[in-house]
Amino acid sequence: MKRFPFLLVGTMMAGLVCVTAAVIAAPMSSFEIETSASGGGHYLVGGSLDVQFAFSAVQYRDGHFAGSFHDRTNDGFGVVDFDADVTCLAVDRQLGRAWIGGVITANLSTSPDFTGTVYQPGHDIWFRVLDPGHEEDQQDRRTFVGFEGAIPSSATYCATRPWAPDNARTWPVTSGNITVRERGE
């Protein structure tokens, strides 16, 4: 009788391992990827605000998107900390640009500038990146995150692909890397 609970727990654990393995094995293969952008590290906003970032965004050939991103900094008033799931990605590989949009899944910010309604889970968030490739005189760049307002949604952001002249409001990556790719690369 004492063996039954151990047998039951062992069977449940084996089932959990099999389900977990099946979920992990489920992602589509790389040949089904249309475009992607990924990166991680630090960048400086205005030369002084150190932002830690990590992101991975993929558009599959069937048109759906996957990925997530995270940004964290301290703006002098408190922590600014967002997690999001990717809902759109637009790529201009010739210029090394990508626009990534998503929906906020967590806001751990304590800065009063980032605690309002528009910054809460379920609302849209976005940013853009520059991957100049192997050009020695340029470095990867990234913008701070944007939120619903003048641009109403992540989908609109990715569709309109806003980019200011001379890479304005994009900030140099001080450590880390950004990679933007299209199928076949």
C-alpha atoms as a PDB file:
ATOM      1  CA  MET A   1       0.000   0.000   0.000  1.00  0.00           C
ATOM      2  CA  LYS A   2       2.872   2.417   0.706  1.00  0.00           C
ATOM      3  CA  ARG A   3       4.191   1.942  -2.821  1.00  0.00           C
ATOM      4  CA  PHE A   4       1.005   3.249  -4.473  1.00  0.00           C
ATOM      5  CA  PRO A   5       1.590   6.986  -3.677  1.00  0.00           C
ATOM      6  CA  PHE A   6       5.165   6.746  -4.976  1.00  0.00           C
ATOM      7  CA  LEU A   7       3.963   4.993  -8.127  1.00  0.00           C
ATOM      8  CA  LEU A   8       1.248   7.633  -8.646  1.00  0.00           C
ATOM      9  CA  VAL A   9       3.671  10.546  -8.108  1.00  0.00           C
ATOM     10  CA  GLY A  10       6.242   8.878 -10.384  1.00  0.00           C
ATOM     11  CA  THR A  11       3.651   8.413 -13.145  1.00  0.00           C
ATOM     12  CA  MET A  12       2.512  12.036 -12.819  1.00  0.00           C
ATOM     13  CA  MET A  13       6.118  13.295 -12.998  1.00  0.00           C
ATOM     14  CA  ALA A  14       6.815  11.181 -16.090  1.00  0.00           C
ATOM     15  CA  GLY A  15       3.666  12.577 -17.731  1.00  0.00           C
ATOM     16  CA  LEU A  16       4.709  16.139 -16.884  1.00  0.00           C
ATOM     17  CA  VAL A  17       8.158  15.552 -18.380  1.00  0.00           C
ATOM     18  CA  CYS A  18       6.610  14.203 -21.598  1.00  0.00           C
ATOM     19  CA  VAL A  19       4.199  17.144 -21.932  1.00  0.00           C
ATOM     20  CA  THR A  20       7.011  19.643 -21.248  1.00  0.00           C
ATOM     21  CA  ALA A  21       9.237  17.957 -23.839  1.00  0.00           C
ATOM     22  CA  ALA A  22       6.424  18.054 -26.410  1.00  0.00           C
ATOM     23  CA  VAL A  23       5.812  21.777 -25.809  1.00  0.00           C
ATOM     24  CA  ILE A  24       9.522  22.568 -26.048  1.00  0.00           C
ATOM     25  CA  ALA A  25       9.820  20.573 -29.280  1.00  0.00           C
ATOM     26  CA  ALA A  26       6.788  22.307 -30.824  1.00  0.00           C
ATOM     27  CA  PRO A  27       8.385  25.537 -32.205  1.00  0.00           C
ATOM     28  CA  MET A  28       8.500  25.853 -35.970  1.00  0.00           C
ATOM     29  CA  SER A  29      11.763  25.162 -37.737  1.00  0.00           C
ATOM     30  CA  SER A  30      14.077  27.960 -38.812  1.00  0.00           C
ATOM     31  CA  PHE A  31      13.273  27.498 -42.526  1.00  0.00           C
ATOM     32  CA  GLU A  32       9.760  28.743 -41.751  1.00  0.00           C
ATOM     33  CA  ILE A  33      11.098  32.072 -40.404  1.00  0.00           C
ATOM     34  CA  GLU A  34      10.497  35.067 -42.682  1.00  0.00           C
ATOM     35  CA  THR A  35      12.207  37.803 -40.621  1.00  0.00           C
ATOM     36  CA  SER A  36      13.764  38.106 -37.186  1.00  0.00           C
ATOM     37  CA  ALA A  37      15.404  40.600 -34.879  1.00  0.00           C
ATOM     38  CA  SER A  38      17.136  39.892 -31.605  1.00  0.00           C
ATOM     39  CA  GLY A  39      19.538  41.459 -29.198  1.00  0.00           C
ATOM     40  CA  GLY A  40      20.530  42.199 -25.675  1.00  0.00           C
ATOM     41  CA  GLY A  41      22.797  44.445 -23.673  1.00  0.00           C
ATOM     42  CA  HIS A  42      22.796  48.102 -22.631  1.00  0.00           C
ATOM     43  CA  TYR A  43      22.233  51.434 -24.360  1.00  0.00           C
ATOM     44  CA  LEU A  44      22.441  55.018 -23.111  1.00  0.00           C
ATOM     45  CA  VAL A  45      19.482  57.362 -23.576  1.00  0.00           C
ATOM     46  CA  GLY A  46      20.773  60.912 -23.924  1.00  0.00           C
ATOM     47  CA  GLY A  47      24.251  59.748 -22.992  1.00  0.00           C
ATOM     48  CA  SER A  48      23.358  59.139 -19.348  1.00  0.00           C
ATOM     49  CA  LEU A  49      20.328  56.882 -18.748  1.00  0.00           C
ATOM     50  CA  ASP A  50      21.621  53.287 -18.845  1.00  0.00           C
ATOM     51  CA  VAL A  51      18.920  50.915 -20.129  1.00  0.00           C
ATOM     52  CA  GLN A  52      19.313  47.134 -19.963  1.00  0.00           C
ATOM     53  CA  PHE A  53      17.425  45.318 -22.730  1.00  0.00           C
ATOM     54  CA  ALA A  54      16.793  41.896 -24.216  1.00  0.00           C
ATOM     55  CA  PHE A  55      14.508  40.946 -27.089  1.00  0.00           C
ATOM     56  CA  SER A  56      13.762  38.255 -29.623  1.00  0.00           C
ATOM     57  CA  ALA A  57      11.158  38.743 -32.359  1.00  0.00           C
ATOM     58  CA  VAL A  58      10.255  36.415 -35.217  1.00  0.00           C
ATOM     59  CA  GLN A  59       7.802  36.585 -38.096  1.00  0.00           C
ATOM     60  CA  TYR A  60       6.981  33.205 -39.597  1.00  0.00           C
ATOM     61  CA  ARG A  61       6.171  32.627 -43.258  1.00  0.00           C
ATOM     62  CA  ASP A  62       2.500  32.086 -42.386  1.00  0.00           C
ATOM     63  CA  GLY A  63       2.418  35.663 -41.029  1.00  0.00           C
ATOM     64  CA  HIS A  64       2.260  35.050 -37.279  1.00  0.00           C
ATOM     65  CA  PHE A  65       4.693  36.563 -34.802  1.00  0.00           C
ATOM     66  CA  ALA A  66       6.445  35.238 -31.715  1.00  0.00           C
ATOM     67  CA  GLY A  67       8.905  36.531 -29.181  1.00  0.00           C
ATOM     68  CA  SER A  68       9.278  38.698 -26.131  1.00  0.00           C
ATOM     69  CA  PHE A  69      11.229  41.654 -24.821  1.00  0.00           C
ATOM     70  CA  HIS A  70      12.341  43.192 -21.546  1.00  0.00           C
ATOM     71  CA  ASP A  71      13.608  46.692 -20.655  1.00  0.00           C
ATOM     72  CA  ARG A  72      14.898  47.895 -17.292  1.00  0.00           C
ATOM     73  CA  THR A  73      16.416  51.155 -16.068  1.00  0.00           C
ATOM     74  CA  ASN A  74      16.231  53.673 -13.233  1.00  0.00           C
ATOM     75  CA  ASP A  75      15.146  57.128 -14.388  1.00  0.00           C
ATOM     76  CA  GLY A  76      16.111  58.849 -11.130  1.00  0.00           C
ATOM     77  CA  PHE A  77      12.536  58.682  -9.828  1.00  0.00           C
ATOM     78  CA  GLY A  78      12.415  54.904  -9.605  1.00  0.00           C
ATOM     79  CA  VAL A  79      12.697  51.694 -11.574  1.00  0.00           C
ATOM     80  CA  VAL A  80      11.316  51.443 -15.126  1.00  0.00           C
ATOM     81  CA  ASP A  81      10.785  47.740 -15.864  1.00  0.00           C
ATOM     82  CA  PHE A  82       8.620  46.208 -18.618  1.00  0.00           C
ATOM     83  CA  ASP A  83       8.059  42.732 -20.068  1.00  0.00           C
ATOM     84  CA  ALA A  84       6.098  42.238 -23.286  1.00  0.00           C
ATOM     85  CA  ASP A  85       5.108  39.612 -25.836  1.00  0.00           C
ATOM     86  CA  VAL A  86       5.794  40.408 -29.498  1.00  0.00           C
ATOM     87  CA  THR A  87       2.735  41.034 -31.691  1.00  0.00           C
ATOM     88  CA  CYS A  88       4.392  42.602 -34.747  1.00  0.00           C
ATOM     89  CA  LEU A  89       7.740  42.942 -36.494  1.00  0.00           C
ATOM     90  CA  ALA A  90       8.685  44.943 -39.574  1.00  0.00           C
ATOM     91  CA  VAL A  91      12.146  44.709 -41.143  1.00  0.00           C
ATOM     92  CA  ASP A  92      14.079  46.772 -43.685  1.00  0.00           C
ATOM     93  CA  ARG A  93      17.181  44.612 -43.982  1.00  0.00           C
ATOM     94  CA  GLN A  94      18.775  46.841 -46.631  1.00  0.00           C
ATOM     95  CA  LEU A  95      18.976  49.639 -44.054  1.00  0.00           C
ATOM     96  CA  GLY A  96      19.367  47.266 -41.080  1.00  0.00           C
ATOM     97  CA  ARG A  97      16.214  48.522 -39.389  1.00  0.00           C
ATOM     98  CA  ALA A  98      13.515  46.699 -37.436  1.00  0.00           C
ATOM     99  CA  TRP A  99      10.348  47.840 -35.681  1.00  0.00           C
ATOM    100  CA  ILE A 100       9.138  45.594 -32.857  1.00  0.00           C
ATOM    101  CA  GLY A 101       5.746  45.931 -31.187  1.00  0.00           C
ATOM    102  CA  GLY A 102       3.996  44.002 -28.499  1.00  0.00           C
ATOM    103  CA  VAL A 103       1.644  43.927 -25.582  1.00  0.00           C
ATOM    104  CA  ILE A 104       2.795  44.559 -22.009  1.00  0.00           C
ATOM    105  CA  THR A 105       2.691  41.400 -19.884  1.00  0.00           C
ATOM    106  CA  ALA A 106       4.278  42.868 -16.734  1.00  0.00           C
ATOM    107  CA  ASN A 107       5.055  46.351 -15.443  1.00  0.00           C
ATOM    108  CA  LEU A 108       7.286  46.288 -12.374  1.00  0.00           C
ATOM    109  CA  SER A 109       8.012  50.019 -12.610  1.00  0.00           C
ATOM    110  CA  THR A 110       8.128  52.159  -9.469  1.00  0.00           C
ATOM    111  CA  SER A 111       8.837  55.421 -11.304  1.00  0.00           C
ATOM    112  CA  PRO A 112       5.641  57.502 -11.143  1.00  0.00           C
ATOM    113  CA  ASP A 113       6.148  58.414 -14.813  1.00  0.00           C
ATOM    114  CA  PHE A 114       5.440  54.773 -15.790  1.00  0.00           C
ATOM    115  CA  THR A 115       2.583  53.671 -13.526  1.00  0.00           C
ATOM    116  CA  GLY A 116      -0.461  55.104 -15.357  1.00  0.00           C
ATOM    117  CA  THR A 117      -3.098  53.093 -17.195  1.00  0.00           C
ATOM    118  CA  VAL A 118      -1.373  53.091 -20.592  1.00  0.00           C
ATOM    119  CA  TYR A 119       1.697  51.386 -19.035  1.00  0.00           C
ATOM    120  CA  GLN A 120      -0.189  48.423 -17.575  1.00  0.00           C
ATOM    121  CA  PRO A 121      -0.435  44.826 -18.858  1.00  0.00           C
ATOM    122  CA  GLY A 122      -2.655  44.497 -21.903  1.00  0.00           C
ATOM    123  CA  HIS A 123      -1.558  47.820 -23.426  1.00  0.00           C
ATOM    124  CA  ASP A 124       0.727  48.207 -26.439  1.00  0.00           C
ATOM    125  CA  ILE A 125       4.462  48.956 -26.285  1.00  0.00           C
ATOM    126  CA  TRP A 126       7.109  49.215 -29.041  1.00  0.00           C
ATOM    127  CA  PHE A 127      10.632  50.201 -30.065  1.00  0.00           C
ATOM    128  CA  ARG A 128      12.933  50.179 -33.085  1.00  0.00           C
ATOM    129  CA  VAL A 129      16.505  49.032 -33.652  1.00  0.00           C
ATOM    130  CA  LEU A 130      19.361  49.538 -36.094  1.00  0.00           C
ATOM    131  CA  ASP A 131      21.804  46.798 -37.057  1.00  0.00           C
ATOM    132  CA  PRO A 132      24.344  48.452 -39.398  1.00  0.00           C
ATOM    133  CA  GLY A 133      25.993  45.089 -40.078  1.00  0.00           C
ATOM    134  CA  HIS A 134      29.757  45.063 -40.234  1.00  0.00           C
ATOM    135  CA  GLU A 135      30.251  48.780 -40.915  1.00  0.00           C
ATOM    136  CA  GLU A 136      33.125  49.762 -38.641  1.00  0.00           C
ATOM    137  CA  ASP A 137      32.109  53.423 -38.254  1.00  0.00           C
ATOM    138  CA  GLN A 138      28.606  52.625 -36.978  1.00  0.00           C
ATOM    139  CA  GLN A 139      27.280  50.739 -34.001  1.00  0.00           C
ATOM    140  CA  ASP A 140      23.987  49.070 -33.176  1.00  0.00           C
ATOM    141  CA  ARG A 141      21.309  51.482 -31.953  1.00  0.00           C
ATOM    142  CA  ARG A 142      17.999  51.233 -30.153  1.00  0.00           C
ATOM    143  CA  THR A 143      15.139  53.489 -29.079  1.00  0.00           C
ATOM    144  CA  PHE A 144      13.507  53.665 -25.687  1.00  0.00           C
ATOM    145  CA  VAL A 145      10.066  52.078 -25.584  1.00  0.00           C
ATOM    146  CA  GLY A 146       6.987  53.913 -26.831  1.00  0.00           C
ATOM    147  CA  PHE A 147       3.396  53.592 -25.695  1.00  0.00           C
ATOM    148  CA  GLU A 148      -0.154  54.149 -26.947  1.00  0.00           C
ATOM    149  CA  GLY A 149      -0.846  57.805 -27.697  1.00  0.00           C
ATOM    150  CA  ALA A 150       0.049  59.644 -30.917  1.00  0.00           C
ATOM    151  CA  ILE A 151       0.545  56.180 -32.407  1.00  0.00           C
ATOM    152  CA  PRO A 152      -2.531  54.176 -31.353  1.00  0.00           C
ATOM    153  CA  SER A 153      -1.150  50.624 -31.439  1.00  0.00           C
ATOM    154  CA  SER A 154       1.818  48.352 -32.003  1.00  0.00           C
ATOM    155  CA  ALA A 155       0.254  47.207 -35.271  1.00  0.00           C
ATOM    156  CA  THR A 156       0.143  50.817 -36.513  1.00  0.00           C
ATOM    157  CA  TYR A 157       3.736  51.346 -35.367  1.00  0.00           C
ATOM    158  CA  CYS A 158       4.996  48.314 -37.306  1.00  0.00           C
ATOM    159  CA  ALA A 159       2.871  49.164 -40.373  1.00  0.00           C
ATOM    160  CA  THR A 160       3.961  52.809 -40.602  1.00  0.00           C
ATOM    161  CA  ARG A 161       7.644  52.179 -39.730  1.00  0.00           C
ATOM    162  CA  PRO A 162       8.456  55.657 -38.365  1.00  0.00           C
ATOM    163  CA  TRP A 163      12.145  56.590 -38.546  1.00  0.00           C
ATOM    164  CA  ALA A 164      13.510  60.049 -37.788  1.00  0.00           C
ATOM    165  CA  PRO A 165      16.283  61.521 -40.001  1.00  0.00           C
ATOM    166  CA  ASP A 166      19.885  60.857 -38.933  1.00  0.00           C
ATOM    167  CA  ASN A 167      18.750  58.073 -36.561  1.00  0.00           C
ATOM    168  CA  ALA A 168      17.360  60.661 -34.134  1.00  0.00           C
ATOM    169  CA  ARG A 169      16.052  59.203 -30.872  1.00  0.00           C
ATOM    170  CA  THR A 170      17.983  55.971 -31.402  1.00  0.00           C
ATOM    171  CA  TRP A 171      20.726  55.447 -28.871  1.00  0.00           C
ATOM    172  CA  PRO A 172      24.072  53.623 -29.261  1.00  0.00           C
ATOM    173  CA  VAL A 173      24.320  50.158 -27.766  1.00  0.00           C
ATOM    174  CA  THR A 174      27.214  50.399 -25.302  1.00  0.00           C
ATOM    175  CA  SER A 175      27.483  46.665 -24.668  1.00  0.00           C
ATOM    176  CA  GLY A 176      25.780  43.766 -26.377  1.00  0.00           C
ATOM    177  CA  ASN A 177      24.541  43.211 -29.907  1.00  0.00           C
ATOM    178  CA  ILE A 178      21.536  43.570 -32.196  1.00  0.00           C
ATOM    179  CA  THR A 179      20.872  41.354 -35.208  1.00  0.00           C
ATOM    180  CA  VAL A 180      18.230  41.936 -37.908  1.00  0.00           C
ATOM    181  CA  ARG A 181      17.655  39.174 -40.488  1.00  0.00           C
ATOM    182  CA  GLU A 182      15.434  38.207 -43.395  1.00  0.00           C
ATOM    183  CA  ARG A 183      14.858  34.746 -44.788  1.00  0.00           C
ATOM    184  CA  GLY A 184      17.858  33.386 -46.621  1.00  0.00           C
ATOM    185  CA  GLU A 185      20.440  35.098 -44.443  1.00  0.00           C
END
